[in-house]
Amino acid sequence: MESRNDEKFPITEKEERLLRLIREIKFGEFQVHIADGQPVRVEEIRKSIKL
């Protein structure tokens, strides 16, 4: 797979923080809120009840 971390597609600090969060999470689910093409907020889903 080709890396996108080059002059054409530099990874921003917010994107790097999001990638770190994704790699660190052991399990779970979260929602990523995007503004102007950048992640601005992540909400971790705390509770889900399957009936």
N, C-alpha and C. Protein backbone atom coordinates (compact mmCIF):
# COMPACT_ATOMS: atom_id res chain seq x y z
N MET A 1 0.85 -1.18 0.00
CA MET A 1 0.00 0.00 0.00
C MET A 1 0.89 1.24 0.00
N GLU A 2 0.57 2.20 -0.81
CA GLU A 2 1.36 3.41 -0.95
C GLU A 2 1.11 4.36 0.21
N SER A 3 2.17 4.92 0.75
CA SER A 3 2.07 5.88 1.85
C SER A 3 1.54 7.21 1.32
N ARG A 4 0.67 7.85 2.09
CA ARG A 4 0.12 9.13 1.67
C ARG A 4 0.77 10.27 2.44
N ASN A 5 1.79 9.98 3.23
CA ASN A 5 2.46 11.01 3.99
C ASN A 5 3.58 11.60 3.14
N ASP A 6 3.21 12.40 2.16
CA ASP A 6 4.18 13.04 1.29
C ASP A 6 3.76 14.48 1.07
N GLU A 7 4.41 15.15 0.15
CA GLU A 7 4.10 16.55 -0.11
C GLU A 7 2.66 16.75 -0.57
N LYS A 8 2.12 15.78 -1.27
CA LYS A 8 0.77 15.91 -1.80
C LYS A 8 -0.29 15.70 -0.72
N PHE A 9 -0.03 14.80 0.21
CA PHE A 9 -0.98 14.47 1.28
C PHE A 9 -0.28 14.47 2.63
N PRO A 10 0.16 15.62 3.12
CA PRO A 10 0.82 15.61 4.44
C PRO A 10 -0.18 15.28 5.55
N ILE A 11 0.26 14.53 6.54
CA ILE A 11 -0.60 14.19 7.67
C ILE A 11 -0.51 15.30 8.69
N THR A 12 -1.66 15.83 9.08
CA THR A 12 -1.68 16.92 10.05
C THR A 12 -1.55 16.37 11.47
N GLU A 13 -1.33 17.26 12.41
CA GLU A 13 -1.20 16.85 13.81
C GLU A 13 -2.49 16.18 14.30
N LYS A 14 -3.65 16.71 13.92
CA LYS A 14 -4.92 16.12 14.34
C LYS A 14 -5.11 14.72 13.76
N GLU A 15 -4.72 14.53 12.51
CA GLU A 15 -4.82 13.21 11.89
C GLU A 15 -3.88 12.23 12.58
N GLU A 16 -2.69 12.69 12.93
CA GLU A 16 -1.73 11.84 13.62
C GLU A 16 -2.26 11.43 14.99
N ARG A 17 -2.89 12.35 15.71
CA ARG A 17 -3.47 12.04 17.01
C ARG A 17 -4.61 11.03 16.86
N LEU A 18 -5.42 11.16 15.79
CA LEU A 18 -6.50 10.22 15.55
C LEU A 18 -5.95 8.83 15.26
N LEU A 19 -4.92 8.74 14.43
CA LEU A 19 -4.30 7.44 14.14
C LEU A 19 -3.74 6.80 15.40
N ARG A 20 -3.11 7.59 16.25
CA ARG A 20 -2.57 7.07 17.51
C ARG A 20 -3.70 6.52 18.38
N LEU A 21 -4.82 7.24 18.46
CA LEU A 21 -5.97 6.79 19.24
C LEU A 21 -6.51 5.47 18.70
N ILE A 22 -6.64 5.36 17.39
CA ILE A 22 -7.14 4.13 16.76
C ILE A 22 -6.24 2.95 17.09
N ARG A 23 -4.93 3.17 17.03
CA ARG A 23 -3.98 2.09 17.30
C ARG A 23 -3.95 1.69 18.77
N GLU A 24 -4.22 2.64 19.67
CA GLU A 24 -4.15 2.37 21.11
C GLU A 24 -5.41 1.72 21.66
N ILE A 25 -6.54 1.90 20.99
CA ILE A 25 -7.79 1.35 21.51
C ILE A 25 -7.77 -0.17 21.39
N LYS A 26 -8.09 -0.85 22.46
CA LYS A 26 -8.08 -2.31 22.47
C LYS A 26 -9.36 -2.88 21.86
N PHE A 27 -10.47 -2.25 22.14
CA PHE A 27 -11.74 -2.63 21.55
C PHE A 27 -12.68 -1.46 21.77
N GLY A 28 -13.76 -1.44 21.06
CA GLY A 28 -14.75 -0.40 21.27
C GLY A 28 -15.17 0.27 19.99
N GLU A 29 -15.80 1.41 20.18
CA GLU A 29 -16.38 2.13 19.06
C GLU A 29 -16.35 3.61 19.39
N PHE A 30 -16.08 4.43 18.39
CA PHE A 30 -16.18 5.85 18.59
C PHE A 30 -16.58 6.53 17.30
N GLN A 31 -17.10 7.75 17.44
CA GLN A 31 -17.51 8.55 16.30
C GLN A 31 -16.49 9.66 16.11
N VAL A 32 -16.13 9.92 14.86
CA VAL A 32 -15.19 10.98 14.55
C VAL A 32 -15.97 12.10 13.87
N HIS A 33 -15.84 13.30 14.41
CA HIS A 33 -16.48 14.48 13.84
C HIS A 33 -15.45 15.24 13.02
N ILE A 34 -15.82 15.56 11.78
CA ILE A 34 -14.93 16.17 10.82
C ILE A 34 -15.42 17.58 10.49
N ALA A 35 -14.47 18.53 10.41
CA ALA A 35 -14.78 19.88 9.95
C ALA A 35 -13.66 20.34 9.03
N ASP A 36 -14.01 20.85 7.89
CA ASP A 36 -13.02 21.31 6.90
C ASP A 36 -12.01 20.22 6.55
N GLY A 37 -12.48 18.97 6.48
CA GLY A 37 -11.62 17.86 6.09
C GLY A 37 -10.67 17.38 7.17
N GLN A 38 -10.85 17.85 8.40
CA GLN A 38 -9.97 17.46 9.50
C GLN A 38 -10.78 16.92 10.67
N PRO A 39 -10.26 15.91 11.37
CA PRO A 39 -10.95 15.44 12.57
C PRO A 39 -10.88 16.51 13.65
N VAL A 40 -12.03 16.81 14.26
CA VAL A 40 -12.05 17.85 15.29
C VAL A 40 -12.47 17.32 16.65
N ARG A 41 -13.18 16.19 16.64
CA ARG A 41 -13.64 15.63 17.91
C ARG A 41 -13.91 14.15 17.74
N VAL A 42 -13.60 13.38 18.79
CA VAL A 42 -13.87 11.95 18.82
C VAL A 42 -14.74 11.69 20.04
N GLU A 43 -15.84 10.99 19.82
CA GLU A 43 -16.72 10.61 20.94
C GLU A 43 -16.67 9.10 21.09
N GLU A 44 -16.24 8.65 22.25
CA GLU A 44 -16.20 7.22 22.52
C GLU A 44 -17.59 6.76 22.92
N ILE A 45 -18.05 5.67 22.33
CA ILE A 45 -19.34 5.09 22.67
C ILE A 45 -19.16 4.33 23.97
N ARG A 46 -19.84 4.75 25.01
CA ARG A 46 -19.64 4.17 26.34
C ARG A 46 -20.54 2.97 26.60
N LYS A 47 -21.76 2.98 26.07
CA LYS A 47 -22.69 1.93 26.45
C LYS A 47 -23.56 1.54 25.25
N SER A 48 -23.63 0.26 25.04
CA SER A 48 -24.49 -0.28 23.99
C SER A 48 -25.11 -1.55 24.57
N ILE A 49 -26.42 -1.62 24.51
CA ILE A 49 -27.11 -2.77 25.10
C ILE A 49 -27.80 -3.55 23.98
N LYS A 50 -27.38 -4.79 23.80
CA LYS A 50 -27.99 -5.66 22.79
C LYS A 50 -29.07 -6.47 23.48
N LEU A 51 -30.26 -6.44 22.92
CA LEU A 51 -31.38 -7.20 23.50
C LEU A 51 -31.66 -8.46 22.73
